C-alpha atoms as a PDB file:
ATOM      1  CA  MET A   1     116.647  76.457  77.067  1.00  0.00           C
ATOM      2  CA  ASN A   2     114.134  73.887  77.443  1.00  0.00           C
ATOM      3  CA  GLY A   3     110.376  74.818  77.440  1.00  0.00           C
ATOM      4  CA  LEU A   4     109.846  74.884  80.961  1.00  0.00           C
ATOM      5  CA  ALA A   5     112.795  77.237  81.512  1.00  0.00           C
ATOM      6  CA  HIS A   6     111.126  79.285  79.131  1.00  0.00           C
ATOM      7  CA  ALA A   7     108.023  79.503  80.264  1.00  0.00           C
ATOM      8  CA  ALA A   8     109.381  80.049  83.646  1.00  0.00           C
ATOM      9  CA  LYS A   9     111.369  83.118  82.233  1.00  0.00           C
ATOM     10  CA  ILE A  10     108.194  84.725  80.423  1.00  0.00           C
ATOM     11  CA  ALA A  11     106.108  84.138  84.061  1.00  0.00           C
ATOM     12  CA  ALA A  12     108.875  85.802  86.160  1.00  0.00           C
ATOM     13  CA  GLU A  13     108.376  88.840  83.868  1.00  0.00           C
ATOM     14  CA  GLN A  14     104.492  89.173  84.341  1.00  0.00           C
ATOM     15  CA  ASP A  15     104.110  88.477  87.895  1.00  0.00           C
ATOM     16  CA  GLY A  16     104.291  84.794  88.304  1.00  0.00           C
ATOM     17  CA  VAL A  17     101.559  83.952  85.498  1.00  0.00           C
ATOM     18  CA  ILE A  18     101.564  82.576  82.293  1.00  0.00           C
ATOM     19  CA  SER A  19      98.863  81.902  79.552  1.00  0.00           C
ATOM     20  CA  ALA A  20      98.654  78.232  78.148  1.00  0.00           C
ATOM     21  CA  ARG A  21      99.234  79.709  74.578  1.00  0.00           C
ATOM     22  CA  GLN A  22     102.764  81.203  75.980  1.00  0.00           C
ATOM     23  CA  CYS A  23     103.630  77.745  77.466  1.00  0.00           C
ATOM     24  CA  LEU A  24     102.643  76.115  74.140  1.00  0.00           C
ATOM     25  CA  ALA A  25     104.689  79.064  71.877  1.00  0.00           C
ATOM     26  CA  ALA A  26     107.759  78.697  74.828  1.00  0.00           C
ATOM     27  CA  GLY A  27     107.759  74.955  73.836  1.00  0.00           C
ATOM     28  CA  MET A  28     105.682  73.300  76.154  1.00  0.00           C
ATOM     29  CA  ARG A  29     103.347  70.127  75.569  1.00  0.00           C
ATOM     30  CA  TRP A  30      99.636  70.006  77.038  1.00  0.00           C
ATOM     31  CA  ASP A  31     100.904  66.903  79.300  1.00  0.00           C
ATOM     32  CA  GLU A  32     103.669  68.860  80.742  1.00  0.00           C
ATOM     33  CA  ILE A  33     101.205  71.875  81.458  1.00  0.00           C
ATOM     34  CA  THR A  34      98.792  69.626  82.906  1.00  0.00           C
ATOM     35  CA  GLN A  35     100.905  67.645  84.801  1.00  0.00           C
ATOM     36  CA  ARG A  36     102.272  71.115  86.632  1.00  0.00           C
ATOM     37  CA  CYS A  37      99.393  71.599  87.529  1.00  0.00           C
ATOM     38  CA  ARG A  38      98.218  67.755  88.735  1.00  0.00           C
ATOM     39  CA  ILE A  39     101.713  67.922  91.179  1.00  0.00           C
ATOM     40  CA  GLY A  40     100.416  71.492  92.256  1.00  0.00           C
ATOM     41  CA  ALA A  41     103.553  73.067  91.343  1.00  0.00           C
ATOM     42  CA  TRP A  42     101.426  75.663  89.149  1.00  0.00           C
ATOM     43  CA  ARG A  43      97.697  76.591  90.009  1.00  0.00           C
ATOM     44  CA  THR A  44      94.943  77.608  87.289  1.00  0.00           C
ATOM     45  CA  VAL A  45      93.712  81.342  87.797  1.00  0.00           C
ATOM     46  CA  TYR A  46      91.297  81.756  84.984  1.00  0.00           C
ATOM     47  CA  ARG A  47      90.849  79.499  82.027  1.00  0.00           C
ATOM     48  CA  GLY A  48      93.991  79.015  80.554  1.00  0.00           C
ATOM     49  CA  VAL A  49      96.144  80.937  82.869  1.00  0.00           C
ATOM     50  CA  TYR A  50      98.415  79.381  85.248  1.00  0.00           C
ATOM     51  CA  PHE A  51     100.440  81.228  88.392  1.00  0.00           C
ATOM     52  CA  LEU A  52     103.607  78.970  88.639  1.00  0.00           C
ATOM     53  CA  HIS A  53     103.837  79.261  92.303  1.00  0.00           C
ATOM     54  CA  GLY A  54     101.237  77.015  93.218  1.00  0.00           C
ATOM     55  CA  ASP A  55     101.812  76.790  97.377  1.00  0.00           C
ATOM     56  CA  GLN A  56     102.312  80.433  97.169  1.00  0.00           C
ATOM     57  CA  PRO A  57      99.483  83.278  97.938  1.00  0.00           C
ATOM     58  CA  LEU A  58      98.163  84.959  94.599  1.00  0.00           C
ATOM     59  CA  PRO A  59      99.245  88.550  94.596  1.00  0.00           C
ATOM     60  CA  THR A  60      96.829  91.364  93.146  1.00  0.00           C
ATOM     61  CA  ARG A  61      98.308  92.294  90.286  1.00  0.00           C
ATOM     62  CA  ALA A  62      98.578  88.683  89.363  1.00  0.00           C
ATOM     63  CA  ARG A  63      95.304  87.917  89.354  1.00  0.00           C
ATOM     64  CA  ILE A  64      95.051  91.268  87.379  1.00  0.00           C
ATOM     65  CA  ARG A  65      97.321  90.364  84.903  1.00  0.00           C
ATOM     66  CA  ALA A  66      95.821  86.726  84.610  1.00  0.00           C
ATOM     67  CA  GLY A  67      92.578  88.309  84.081  1.00  0.00           C
ATOM     68  CA  LEU A  68      93.869  90.489  81.040  1.00  0.00           C
ATOM     69  CA  LEU A  69      95.815  87.261  79.502  1.00  0.00           C
ATOM     70  CA  THR A  70      92.468  85.018  79.702  1.00  0.00           C
ATOM     71  CA  ALA A  71      90.725  87.905  78.287  1.00  0.00           C
ATOM     72  CA  GLY A  72      93.004  88.100  75.392  1.00  0.00           C
ATOM     73  CA  PRO A  73      95.234  90.483  74.161  1.00  0.00           C
ATOM     74  CA  ALA A  74      92.310  93.314  73.589  1.00  0.00           C
ATOM     75  CA  ALA A  75      91.192  93.460  76.739  1.00  0.00           C
ATOM     76  CA  THR A  76      91.866  96.501  79.377  1.00  0.00           C
ATOM     77  CA  ALA A  77      91.933  96.680  83.000  1.00  0.00           C
ATOM     78  CA  VAL A  78      88.945  98.612  84.455  1.00  0.00           C
ATOM     79  CA  LEU A  79      87.390  99.530  87.922  1.00  0.00           C
ATOM     80  CA  THR A  80      88.802  99.000  90.756  1.00  0.00           C
ATOM     81  CA  SER A  81      91.315  97.047  89.092  1.00  0.00           C
ATOM     82  CA  ALA A  82      92.710 100.055  87.108  1.00  0.00           C
ATOM     83  CA  ALA A  83      92.649 101.737  90.565  1.00  0.00           C
ATOM     84  CA  GLU A  84      94.912  99.240  91.944  1.00  0.00           C
ATOM     85  CA  LEU A  85      97.395  99.308  89.301  1.00  0.00           C
ATOM     86  CA  HIS A  86      97.705 103.077  89.195  1.00  0.00           C
ATOM     87  CA  GLY A  87      97.863 103.285  93.108  1.00  0.00           C
ATOM     88  CA  LEU A  88      94.657 105.133  93.781  1.00  0.00           C
ATOM     89  CA  PRO A  89      93.876 104.935  97.259  1.00  0.00           C
ATOM     90  CA  PHE A  90      90.728 104.446  99.497  1.00  0.00           C
ATOM     91  CA  ILE A  91      89.364 101.991  96.700  1.00  0.00           C
ATOM     92  CA  PRO A  92      87.070  99.717  98.258  1.00  0.00           C
ATOM     93  CA  GLU A  93      88.324  96.169  98.406  1.00  0.00           C
ATOM     94  CA  ASP A  94      87.140  93.915  95.654  1.00  0.00           C
ATOM     95  CA  PRO A  95      87.060  90.189  95.328  1.00  0.00           C
ATOM     96  CA  ALA A  96      86.966  90.375  91.499  1.00  0.00           C
ATOM     97  CA  VAL A  97      89.237  91.415  88.812  1.00  0.00           C
ATOM     98  CA  HIS A  98      87.711  93.782  86.034  1.00  0.00           C
ATOM     99  CA  VAL A  99      88.469  93.593  82.654  1.00  0.00           C
ATOM    100  CA  SER A 100      86.950  95.118  79.600  1.00  0.00           C
ATOM    101  CA  VAL A 101      87.229  93.661  76.097  1.00  0.00           C
ATOM    102  CA  PRO A 102      85.575  95.027  72.492  1.00  0.00           C
ATOM    103  CA  GLY A 103      83.215  93.259  70.884  1.00  0.00           C
ATOM    104  CA  ALA A 104      80.577  90.377  72.020  1.00  0.00           C
ATOM    105  CA  LEU A 105      81.661  89.111  75.061  1.00  0.00           C
ATOM    106  CA  ASN A 106      81.083  85.517  74.360  1.00  0.00           C
ATOM    107  CA  ARG A 107      80.705  84.786  77.966  1.00  0.00           C
ATOM    108  CA  LEU A 108      84.282  85.424  79.146  1.00  0.00           C
ATOM    109  CA  ASP A 109      83.121  85.770  82.960  1.00  0.00           C
ATOM    110  CA  GLN A 110      84.790  83.377  85.078  1.00  0.00           C
ATOM    111  CA  PRO A 111      84.321  82.946  89.108  1.00  0.00           C
ATOM    112  CA  GLY A 112      86.514  86.015  90.318  1.00  0.00           C
ATOM    113  CA  LEU A 113      87.144  87.739  87.033  1.00  0.00           C
ATOM    114  CA  LEU A 114      84.129  90.157  85.586  1.00  0.00           C
ATOM    115  CA  VAL A 115      84.381  90.935  82.003  1.00  0.00           C
ATOM    116  CA  HIS A 116      82.645  94.185  80.735  1.00  0.00           C
ATOM    117  CA  GLN A 117      82.301  96.013  77.515  1.00  0.00           C
ATOM    118  CA  LEU A 118      83.348  99.472  78.203  1.00  0.00           C
ATOM    119  CA  VAL A 119      83.365 101.881  75.356  1.00  0.00           C
ATOM    120  CA  ILE A 120      87.054 103.236  76.186  1.00  0.00           C
ATOM    121  CA  ASP A 121      88.948 105.742  73.617  1.00  0.00           C
ATOM    122  CA  GLU A 122      92.188 105.193  72.651  1.00  0.00           C
ATOM    123  CA  GLN A 123      93.215 108.294  74.727  1.00  0.00           C
ATOM    124  CA  HIS A 124      91.995 106.856  78.184  1.00  0.00           C
ATOM    125  CA  ARG A 125      93.548 103.600  77.609  1.00  0.00           C
ATOM    126  CA  HIS A 126      97.741 103.250  79.315  1.00  0.00           C
ATOM    127  CA  THR A 127      99.865 100.734  80.192  1.00  0.00           C
ATOM    128  CA  VAL A 128     101.078 100.069  83.715  1.00  0.00           C
ATOM    129  CA  ASP A 129     104.158  97.269  83.748  1.00  0.00           C
ATOM    130  CA  SER A 130     102.693  96.003  80.220  1.00  0.00           C
ATOM    131  CA  MET A 131      99.411  95.526  81.716  1.00  0.00           C
ATOM    132  CA  CYS A 132      96.747  97.602  79.353  1.00  0.00           C
ATOM    133  CA  THR A 133      94.131  99.946  81.872  1.00  0.00           C
ATOM    134  CA  THR A 134      92.224 102.723  81.701  1.00  0.00           C
ATOM    135  CA  SER A 135      94.031 106.004  82.503  1.00  0.00           C
ATOM    136  CA  VAL A 136      93.990 107.408  85.747  1.00  0.00           C
ATOM    137  CA  VAL A 137      91.199 110.083  84.889  1.00  0.00           C
ATOM    138  CA  ARG A 138      89.259 107.487  83.230  1.00  0.00           C
ATOM    139  CA  THR A 139      89.458 105.447  85.981  1.00  0.00           C
ATOM    140  CA  VAL A 140      88.581 107.902  88.625  1.00  0.00           C
ATOM    141  CA  ALA A 141      85.448 109.021  86.510  1.00  0.00           C
ATOM    142  CA  ASP A 142      84.512 105.577  86.304  1.00  0.00           C
ATOM    143  CA  LEU A 143      84.665 104.999  89.895  1.00  0.00           C
ATOM    144  CA  ILE A 144      83.029 107.958  91.046  1.00  0.00           C
ATOM    145  CA  LEU A 145      79.909 106.667  89.210  1.00  0.00           C
ATOM    146  CA  ARG A 146      79.985 103.481  91.057  1.00  0.00           C
ATOM    147  CA  LEU A 147      81.124 104.304  94.445  1.00  0.00           C
ATOM    148  CA  GLY A 148      79.333 105.715  97.520  1.00  0.00           C
ATOM    149  CA  ARG A 149      79.328 109.480  97.933  1.00  0.00           C
ATOM    150  CA  ASN A 150      81.819 109.274 100.673  1.00  0.00           C
ATOM    151  CA  ASP A 151      83.780 106.196  99.421  1.00  0.00           C
ATOM    152  CA  ALA A 152      83.986 108.718  96.023  1.00  0.00           C
ATOM    153  CA  VAL A 153      84.988 111.825  97.906  1.00  0.00           C
ATOM    154  CA  SER A 154      87.670 109.539  99.952  1.00  0.00           C
ATOM    155  CA  MET A 155      89.378 108.341  96.645  1.00  0.00           C
ATOM    156  CA  LEU A 156      89.513 111.634  94.619  1.00  0.00           C
ATOM    157  CA  ASP A 157      90.608 113.487  98.032  1.00  0.00           C
ATOM    158  CA  GLY A 158      93.269 110.389  98.404  1.00  0.00           C
ATOM    159  CA  ALA A 159      94.241 110.859  94.788  1.00  0.00           C
ATOM    160  CA  LEU A 160      94.425 114.103  94.861  1.00  0.00           C
ATOM    161  CA  ARG A 161      96.599 114.133  97.802  1.00  0.00           C
ATOM    162  CA  LEU A 162      99.323 111.741  96.356  1.00  0.00           C
ATOM    163  CA  ASP A 163      99.487 113.357  92.908  1.00  0.00           C
ATOM    164  CA  ARG A 164      97.928 110.777  90.825  1.00  0.00           C
ATOM    165  CA  ILE A 165      95.397 113.488  89.614  1.00  0.00           C
ATOM    166  CA  SER A 166      95.855 117.280  89.848  1.00  0.00           C
ATOM    167  CA  THR A 167      93.149 119.719  90.345  1.00  0.00           C
ATOM    168  CA  ASP A 168      93.549 120.844  86.416  1.00  0.00           C
ATOM    169  CA  ASP A 169      92.388 117.076  86.070  1.00  0.00           C
ATOM    170  CA  LEU A 170      89.236 117.355  87.661  1.00  0.00           C
ATOM    171  CA  PRO A 171      87.499 119.016  84.307  1.00  0.00           C
ATOM    172  CA  LEU A 172      88.572 116.156  82.293  1.00  0.00           C
ATOM    173  CA  VAL A 173      87.249 113.634  85.195  1.00  0.00           C
ATOM    174  CA  ALA A 174      83.527 115.761  84.586  1.00  0.00           C
ATOM    175  CA  ALA A 175      83.849 115.559  81.022  1.00  0.00           C
ATOM    176  CA  VAL A 176      84.824 111.740  80.591  1.00  0.00           C
ATOM    177  CA  ILE A 177      81.480 110.909  83.150  1.00  0.00           C
ATOM    178  CA  PRO A 178      78.740 109.232  80.614  1.00  0.00           C
ATOM    179  CA  GLY A 179      75.002 110.067  81.193  1.00  0.00           C
ATOM    180  CA  PRO A 180      73.917 107.842  83.253  1.00  0.00           C
ATOM    181  CA  PRO A 181      71.778 108.511  85.955  1.00  0.00           C
ATOM    182  CA  GLY A 182      73.270 110.463  88.912  1.00  0.00           C
ATOM    183  CA  ALA A 183      76.082 111.335  86.188  1.00  0.00           C
ATOM    184  CA  ALA A 184      74.957 114.960  86.154  1.00  0.00           C
ATOM    185  CA  ALA A 185      75.118 115.290  90.111  1.00  0.00           C
ATOM    186  CA  ALA A 186      78.548 113.650  89.732  1.00  0.00           C
ATOM    187  CA  ARG A 187      79.485 116.373  86.850  1.00  0.00           C
ATOM    188  CA  ARG A 188      78.121 119.102  89.184  1.00  0.00           C
ATOM    189  CA  GLY A 189      80.640 118.144  92.430  1.00  0.00           C
ATOM    190  CA  LEU A 190      83.947 117.996  90.510  1.00  0.00           C
ATOM    191  CA  VAL A 191      83.514 121.345  88.329  1.00  0.00           C
END
């Protein structure tokens, strides 16, 4: 199998996206990657990550996967990006992909990609379709602190109705909420 065919196979298993590192490991050369982008067959999503269907709309899951690939193997999808992967309802539209990386940020932010530095316990890191993401409980807790009251209630109610979380999970959600302003009120509303 030649390098391009091998890269296409990898991308097919990754929502149509692939990193430059993966292309090189598949046997492609830099000039081949550049040529694919130049002719419009591939489209750069984020630095060093490409969408192999350059003329098609980029699906949300592909954007999230591209954000994780560009941020590196320790990256975790968080906030609205994690909510998308978990299928949480009533999440306000967010044009940005949100990922978190441990350690120094090294200015990984790019247009459409926001890189955070959140402390995520191992118990709250899960995998969805080979993408690392915060658990449903952690995702709900993070969003409760960032959404307005009405959006937070809608999201929580929808997550309960769709069985993404159960009423037994509500104390766990409350326990995960840290101590910034508004956290005490959010915890009281859950228990």
